[in-house]
Amino acid sequence: MGKHISYIYILKQFDISTRTSNFVSPVQVFWHFLEVAWIKVNTDEAAKGAPSFAICGGTFRGNNEEYVASFSDFLGIQHVLYVEVMSVIFAIEYDQLKPFKKLWLECESSFICQALVGV
Protein backbone atom coordinates (compact mmCIF):
# COMPACT_ATOMS: atom_id res chain seq x y z
CA MET A 1 0.00 0.00 0.00
CA GLY A 2 2.89 2.37 0.75
CA LYS A 3 4.09 2.30 -2.85
CA HIS A 4 0.70 3.54 -4.07
CA ILE A 5 0.73 6.36 -1.54
CA SER A 6 4.11 7.51 -2.87
CA TYR A 7 2.69 7.52 -6.42
CA ILE A 8 -0.13 9.78 -5.26
CA TYR A 9 2.39 12.06 -3.56
CA ILE A 10 4.44 12.34 -6.78
CA LEU A 11 1.33 13.15 -8.83
CA LYS A 12 0.34 15.86 -6.35
CA GLN A 13 3.81 17.44 -6.72
CA PHE A 14 3.01 17.98 -10.41
CA ASP A 15 -0.46 19.37 -9.60
CA ILE A 16 -2.14 16.30 -11.06
CA SER A 17 -5.40 15.58 -9.32
CA THR A 18 -6.02 12.05 -8.15
CA ARG A 19 -9.05 10.12 -7.15
CA THR A 20 -9.26 6.75 -5.52
CA SER A 21 -11.96 4.19 -6.03
CA ASN A 22 -13.55 2.05 -3.39
CA PHE A 23 -12.64 -1.61 -3.74
CA VAL A 24 -15.86 -3.62 -3.88
CA SER A 25 -14.88 -7.25 -4.38
CA PRO A 26 -12.62 -9.27 -6.64
CA VAL A 27 -14.01 -10.81 -9.80
CA GLN A 28 -12.52 -14.07 -11.00
CA VAL A 29 -11.95 -14.23 -14.75
CA PHE A 30 -11.50 -17.52 -16.56
CA TRP A 31 -9.93 -18.27 -19.90
CA HIS A 32 -12.28 -20.47 -21.90
CA PHE A 33 -10.30 -22.78 -24.13
CA LEU A 34 -11.32 -22.41 -27.73
CA GLU A 35 -11.91 -25.16 -30.21
CA VAL A 36 -9.13 -25.81 -32.71
CA ALA A 37 -8.90 -23.19 -35.50
CA TRP A 38 -10.41 -20.41 -33.35
CA ILE A 39 -8.53 -17.18 -32.65
CA LYS A 40 -9.77 -14.88 -29.88
CA VAL A 41 -9.11 -11.15 -29.92
CA ASN A 42 -9.64 -9.02 -26.82
CA THR A 43 -9.91 -5.30 -27.54
CA ASP A 44 -9.50 -2.47 -25.10
CA GLU A 45 -9.43 1.27 -25.26
CA ALA A 46 -8.63 4.25 -23.10
CA ALA A 47 -9.95 7.79 -23.22
CA LYS A 48 -10.27 10.19 -20.32
CA GLY A 49 -13.12 12.61 -20.73
CA ALA A 50 -15.12 13.45 -23.80
CA PRO A 51 -13.36 14.20 -26.01
CA SER A 52 -9.77 13.54 -24.93
CA PHE A 53 -6.57 11.78 -25.95
CA ALA A 54 -7.45 8.22 -26.88
CA ILE A 55 -5.75 4.91 -27.63
CA CYS A 56 -6.99 1.46 -28.52
CA GLY A 57 -5.48 -1.97 -28.91
CA GLY A 58 -6.12 -5.67 -29.05
CA THR A 59 -4.43 -9.02 -28.51
CA PHE A 60 -5.03 -12.15 -30.57
CA ARG A 61 -4.60 -15.54 -28.88
CA GLY A 62 -4.92 -19.05 -30.21
CA ASN A 63 -6.92 -21.96 -28.87
CA ASN A 64 -4.10 -22.90 -26.45
CA GLU A 65 -3.75 -19.33 -25.10
CA GLU A 66 -0.66 -18.76 -27.25
CA TYR A 67 0.13 -15.25 -28.40
CA VAL A 68 -0.68 -14.76 -32.10
CA ALA A 69 -0.55 -10.99 -32.70
CA SER A 70 -1.47 -7.61 -31.26
CA PHE A 71 -2.13 -4.05 -32.33
CA SER A 72 -2.37 -0.61 -30.79
CA ASP A 73 -2.97 2.87 -32.12
CA PHE A 74 -3.11 6.44 -30.86
CA LEU A 75 -6.32 7.99 -32.16
CA GLY A 76 -5.75 11.62 -31.20
CA ILE A 77 -8.50 13.52 -29.42
CA GLN A 78 -11.71 11.50 -29.71
CA HIS A 79 -14.91 10.51 -27.92
CA VAL A 80 -15.07 7.16 -26.14
CA LEU A 81 -17.64 5.62 -28.51
CA TYR A 82 -15.42 6.42 -31.51
CA VAL A 83 -12.48 4.71 -29.79
CA GLU A 84 -14.55 1.61 -28.97
CA VAL A 85 -15.71 1.32 -32.58
CA MET A 86 -12.19 1.81 -33.94
CA SER A 87 -10.73 -0.94 -31.74
CA VAL A 88 -13.22 -3.39 -33.22
CA ILE A 89 -12.61 -2.14 -36.77
CA PHE A 90 -8.84 -2.54 -36.35
CA ALA A 91 -9.33 -6.11 -35.08
CA ILE A 92 -11.52 -7.01 -38.06
CA GLU A 93 -9.10 -5.32 -40.49
CA TYR A 94 -6.19 -7.30 -39.04
CA ASP A 95 -8.21 -10.46 -39.52
CA GLN A 96 -8.67 -9.52 -43.18
CA LEU A 97 -4.89 -9.16 -43.61
CA LYS A 98 -4.13 -12.52 -42.03
CA PRO A 99 -7.42 -14.37 -42.28
CA PHE A 100 -8.08 -16.68 -39.38
CA LYS A 101 -10.50 -19.55 -39.91
CA LYS A 102 -12.70 -18.51 -37.01
CA LEU A 103 -12.45 -15.23 -35.08
CA TRP A 104 -13.95 -14.68 -31.62
CA LEU A 105 -14.13 -10.93 -30.93
CA GLU A 106 -14.45 -9.79 -27.34
CA CYS A 107 -14.94 -6.14 -26.38
CA GLU A 108 -16.24 -4.26 -23.35
CA SER A 109 -18.99 -2.32 -25.10
CA SER A 110 -22.38 -4.04 -25.10
CA PHE A 111 -23.53 -1.42 -27.63
CA ILE A 112 -20.84 -2.51 -30.11
CA CYS A 113 -21.55 -6.20 -29.49
CA GLN A 114 -25.28 -5.71 -30.13
CA ALA A 115 -24.52 -3.74 -33.29
CA LEU A 116 -22.37 -6.60 -34.62
CA VAL A 117 -24.95 -9.32 -34.05
CA GLY A 118 -25.90 -10.71 -37.43
CA VAL A 119 -22.81 -9.32 -39.17
C-alpha atoms as a PDB file:
ATOM      1  CA  MET A   1       0.000   0.000   0.000  1.00  0.00           C
ATOM      2  CA  GLY A   2       2.886   2.369   0.753  1.00  0.00           C
ATOM      3  CA  LYS A   3       4.091   2.301  -2.853  1.00  0.00           C
ATOM      4  CA  HIS A   4       0.704   3.536  -4.073  1.00  0.00           C
ATOM      5  CA  ILE A   5       0.729   6.365  -1.537  1.00  0.00           C
ATOM      6  CA  SER A   6       4.112   7.514  -2.867  1.00  0.00           C
ATOM      7  CA  TYR A   7       2.693   7.516  -6.418  1.00  0.00           C
ATOM      8  CA  ILE A   8      -0.132   9.776  -5.260  1.00  0.00           C
ATOM      9  CA  TYR A   9       2.394  12.061  -3.557  1.00  0.00           C
ATOM     10  CA  ILE A  10       4.439  12.340  -6.783  1.00  0.00           C
ATOM     11  CA  LEU A  11       1.329  13.154  -8.829  1.00  0.00           C
ATOM     12  CA  LYS A  12       0.343  15.857  -6.351  1.00  0.00           C
ATOM     13  CA  GLN A  13       3.810  17.439  -6.719  1.00  0.00           C
ATOM     14  CA  PHE A  14       3.013  17.979 -10.407  1.00  0.00           C
ATOM     15  CA  ASP A  15      -0.457  19.371  -9.599  1.00  0.00           C
ATOM     16  CA  ILE A  16      -2.136  16.301 -11.064  1.00  0.00           C
ATOM     17  CA  SER A  17      -5.404  15.575  -9.323  1.00  0.00           C
ATOM     18  CA  THR A  18      -6.023  12.047  -8.148  1.00  0.00           C
ATOM     19  CA  ARG A  19      -9.049  10.123  -7.145  1.00  0.00           C
ATOM     20  CA  THR A  20      -9.261   6.748  -5.520  1.00  0.00           C
ATOM     21  CA  SER A  21     -11.955   4.193  -6.034  1.00  0.00           C
ATOM     22  CA  ASN A  22     -13.551   2.048  -3.390  1.00  0.00           C
ATOM     23  CA  PHE A  23     -12.644  -1.607  -3.742  1.00  0.00           C
ATOM     24  CA  VAL A  24     -15.861  -3.619  -3.885  1.00  0.00           C
ATOM     25  CA  SER A  25     -14.877  -7.246  -4.376  1.00  0.00           C
ATOM     26  CA  PRO A  26     -12.618  -9.267  -6.644  1.00  0.00           C
ATOM     27  CA  VAL A  27     -14.007 -10.813  -9.804  1.00  0.00           C
ATOM     28  CA  GLN A  28     -12.518 -14.072 -11.001  1.00  0.00           C
ATOM     29  CA  VAL A  29     -11.949 -14.234 -14.746  1.00  0.00           C
ATOM     30  CA  PHE A  30     -11.497 -17.522 -16.556  1.00  0.00           C
ATOM     31  CA  TRP A  31      -9.932 -18.267 -19.903  1.00  0.00           C
ATOM     32  CA  HIS A  32     -12.281 -20.470 -21.897  1.00  0.00           C
ATOM     33  CA  PHE A  33     -10.304 -22.779 -24.129  1.00  0.00           C
ATOM     34  CA  LEU A  34     -11.325 -22.408 -27.727  1.00  0.00           C
ATOM     35  CA  GLU A  35     -11.908 -25.161 -30.208  1.00  0.00           C
ATOM     36  CA  VAL A  36      -9.131 -25.807 -32.711  1.00  0.00           C
ATOM     37  CA  ALA A  37      -8.903 -23.191 -35.498  1.00  0.00           C
ATOM     38  CA  TRP A  38     -10.409 -20.413 -33.346  1.00  0.00           C
ATOM     39  CA  ILE A  39      -8.529 -17.184 -32.647  1.00  0.00           C
ATOM     40  CA  LYS A  40      -9.768 -14.875 -29.878  1.00  0.00           C
ATOM     41  CA  VAL A  41      -9.113 -11.146 -29.920  1.00  0.00           C
ATOM     42  CA  ASN A  42      -9.636  -9.015 -26.823  1.00  0.00           C
ATOM     43  CA  THR A  43      -9.910  -5.301 -27.543  1.00  0.00           C
ATOM     44  CA  ASP A  44      -9.503  -2.469 -25.096  1.00  0.00           C
ATOM     45  CA  GLU A  45      -9.428   1.274 -25.265  1.00  0.00           C
ATOM     46  CA  ALA A  46      -8.632   4.255 -23.095  1.00  0.00           C
ATOM     47  CA  ALA A  47      -9.946   7.790 -23.216  1.00  0.00           C
ATOM     48  CA  LYS A  48     -10.265  10.194 -20.324  1.00  0.00           C
ATOM     49  CA  GLY A  49     -13.115  12.609 -20.725  1.00  0.00           C
ATOM     50  CA  ALA A  50     -15.116  13.451 -23.799  1.00  0.00           C
ATOM     51  CA  PRO A  51     -13.355  14.205 -26.011  1.00  0.00           C
ATOM     52  CA  SER A  52      -9.772  13.538 -24.934  1.00  0.00           C
ATOM     53  CA  PHE A  53      -6.571  11.781 -25.949  1.00  0.00           C
ATOM     54  CA  ALA A  54      -7.455   8.217 -26.876  1.00  0.00           C
ATOM     55  CA  ILE A  55      -5.749   4.913 -27.632  1.00  0.00           C
ATOM     56  CA  CYS A  56      -6.986   1.458 -28.523  1.00  0.00           C
ATOM     57  CA  GLY A  57      -5.485  -1.970 -28.910  1.00  0.00           C
ATOM     58  CA  GLY A  58      -6.116  -5.672 -29.048  1.00  0.00           C
ATOM     59  CA  THR A  59      -4.430  -9.016 -28.509  1.00  0.00           C
ATOM     60  CA  PHE A  60      -5.029 -12.154 -30.572  1.00  0.00           C
ATOM     61  CA  ARG A  61      -4.598 -15.536 -28.876  1.00  0.00           C
ATOM     62  CA  GLY A  62      -4.920 -19.047 -30.214  1.00  0.00           C
ATOM     63  CA  ASN A  63      -6.925 -21.958 -28.873  1.00  0.00           C
ATOM     64  CA  ASN A  64      -4.100 -22.897 -26.450  1.00  0.00           C
ATOM     65  CA  GLU A  65      -3.754 -19.330 -25.102  1.00  0.00           C
ATOM     66  CA  GLU A  66      -0.658 -18.757 -27.246  1.00  0.00           C
ATOM     67  CA  TYR A  67       0.126 -15.250 -28.404  1.00  0.00           C
ATOM     68  CA  VAL A  68      -0.681 -14.763 -32.098  1.00  0.00           C
ATOM     69  CA  ALA A  69      -0.549 -10.994 -32.696  1.00  0.00           C
ATOM     70  CA  SER A  70      -1.473  -7.612 -31.259  1.00  0.00           C
ATOM     71  CA  PHE A  71      -2.131  -4.051 -32.332  1.00  0.00           C
ATOM     72  CA  SER A  72      -2.369  -0.610 -30.786  1.00  0.00           C
ATOM     73  CA  ASP A  73      -2.968   2.873 -32.118  1.00  0.00           C
ATOM     74  CA  PHE A  74      -3.114   6.441 -30.861  1.00  0.00           C
ATOM     75  CA  LEU A  75      -6.321   7.995 -32.157  1.00  0.00           C
ATOM     76  CA  GLY A  76      -5.748  11.619 -31.202  1.00  0.00           C
ATOM     77  CA  ILE A  77      -8.500  13.516 -29.420  1.00  0.00           C
ATOM     78  CA  GLN A  78     -11.711  11.503 -29.708  1.00  0.00           C
ATOM     79  CA  HIS A  79     -14.911  10.511 -27.921  1.00  0.00           C
ATOM     80  CA  VAL A  80     -15.067   7.159 -26.136  1.00  0.00           C
ATOM     81  CA  LEU A  81     -17.639   5.619 -28.511  1.00  0.00           C
ATOM     82  CA  TYR A  82     -15.416   6.416 -31.513  1.00  0.00           C
ATOM     83  CA  VAL A  83     -12.478   4.714 -29.789  1.00  0.00           C
ATOM     84  CA  GLU A  84     -14.547   1.614 -28.972  1.00  0.00           C
ATOM     85  CA  VAL A  85     -15.709   1.319 -32.579  1.00  0.00           C
ATOM     86  CA  MET A  86     -12.188   1.806 -33.941  1.00  0.00           C
ATOM     87  CA  SER A  87     -10.729  -0.941 -31.741  1.00  0.00           C
ATOM     88  CA  VAL A  88     -13.224  -3.393 -33.224  1.00  0.00           C
ATOM     89  CA  ILE A  89     -12.612  -2.136 -36.768  1.00  0.00           C
ATOM     90  CA  PHE A  90      -8.841  -2.543 -36.354  1.00  0.00           C
ATOM     91  CA  ALA A  91      -9.328  -6.113 -35.078  1.00  0.00           C
ATOM     92  CA  ILE A  92     -11.515  -7.006 -38.059  1.00  0.00           C
ATOM     93  CA  GLU A  93      -9.103  -5.318 -40.489  1.00  0.00           C
ATOM     94  CA  TYR A  94      -6.187  -7.298 -39.036  1.00  0.00           C
ATOM     95  CA  ASP A  95      -8.211 -10.463 -39.515  1.00  0.00           C
ATOM     96  CA  GLN A  96      -8.666  -9.523 -43.181  1.00  0.00           C
ATOM     97  CA  LEU A  97      -4.887  -9.159 -43.615  1.00  0.00           C
ATOM     98  CA  LYS A  98      -4.126 -12.520 -42.033  1.00  0.00           C
ATOM     99  CA  PRO A  99      -7.419 -14.367 -42.277  1.00  0.00           C
ATOM    100  CA  PHE A 100      -8.079 -16.681 -39.384  1.00  0.00           C
ATOM    101  CA  LYS A 101     -10.496 -19.553 -39.911  1.00  0.00           C
ATOM    102  CA  LYS A 102     -12.701 -18.506 -37.014  1.00  0.00           C
ATOM    103  CA  LEU A 103     -12.451 -15.234 -35.080  1.00  0.00           C
ATOM    104  CA  TRP A 104     -13.946 -14.677 -31.615  1.00  0.00           C
ATOM    105  CA  LEU A 105     -14.126 -10.933 -30.928  1.00  0.00           C
ATOM    106  CA  GLU A 106     -14.454  -9.787 -27.337  1.00  0.00           C
ATOM    107  CA  CYS A 107     -14.936  -6.143 -26.378  1.00  0.00           C
ATOM    108  CA  GLU A 108     -16.239  -4.262 -23.352  1.00  0.00           C
ATOM    109  CA  SER A 109     -18.991  -2.321 -25.105  1.00  0.00           C
ATOM    110  CA  SER A 110     -22.380  -4.041 -25.097  1.00  0.00           C
ATOM    111  CA  PHE A 111     -23.529  -1.415 -27.626  1.00  0.00           C
ATOM    112  CA  ILE A 112     -20.843  -2.508 -30.112  1.00  0.00           C
ATOM    113  CA  CYS A 113     -21.554  -6.199 -29.489  1.00  0.00           C
ATOM    114  CA  GLN A 114     -25.275  -5.706 -30.132  1.00  0.00           C
ATOM    115  CA  ALA A 115     -24.524  -3.738 -33.295  1.00  0.00           C
ATOM    116  CA  LEU A 116     -22.365  -6.604 -34.620  1.00  0.00           C
ATOM    117  CA  VAL A 117     -24.949  -9.318 -34.046  1.00  0.00           C
ATOM    118  CA  GLY A 118     -25.897 -10.712 -37.430  1.00  0.00           C
ATOM    119  CA  VAL A 119     -22.808  -9.315 -39.175  1.00  0.00           C
END
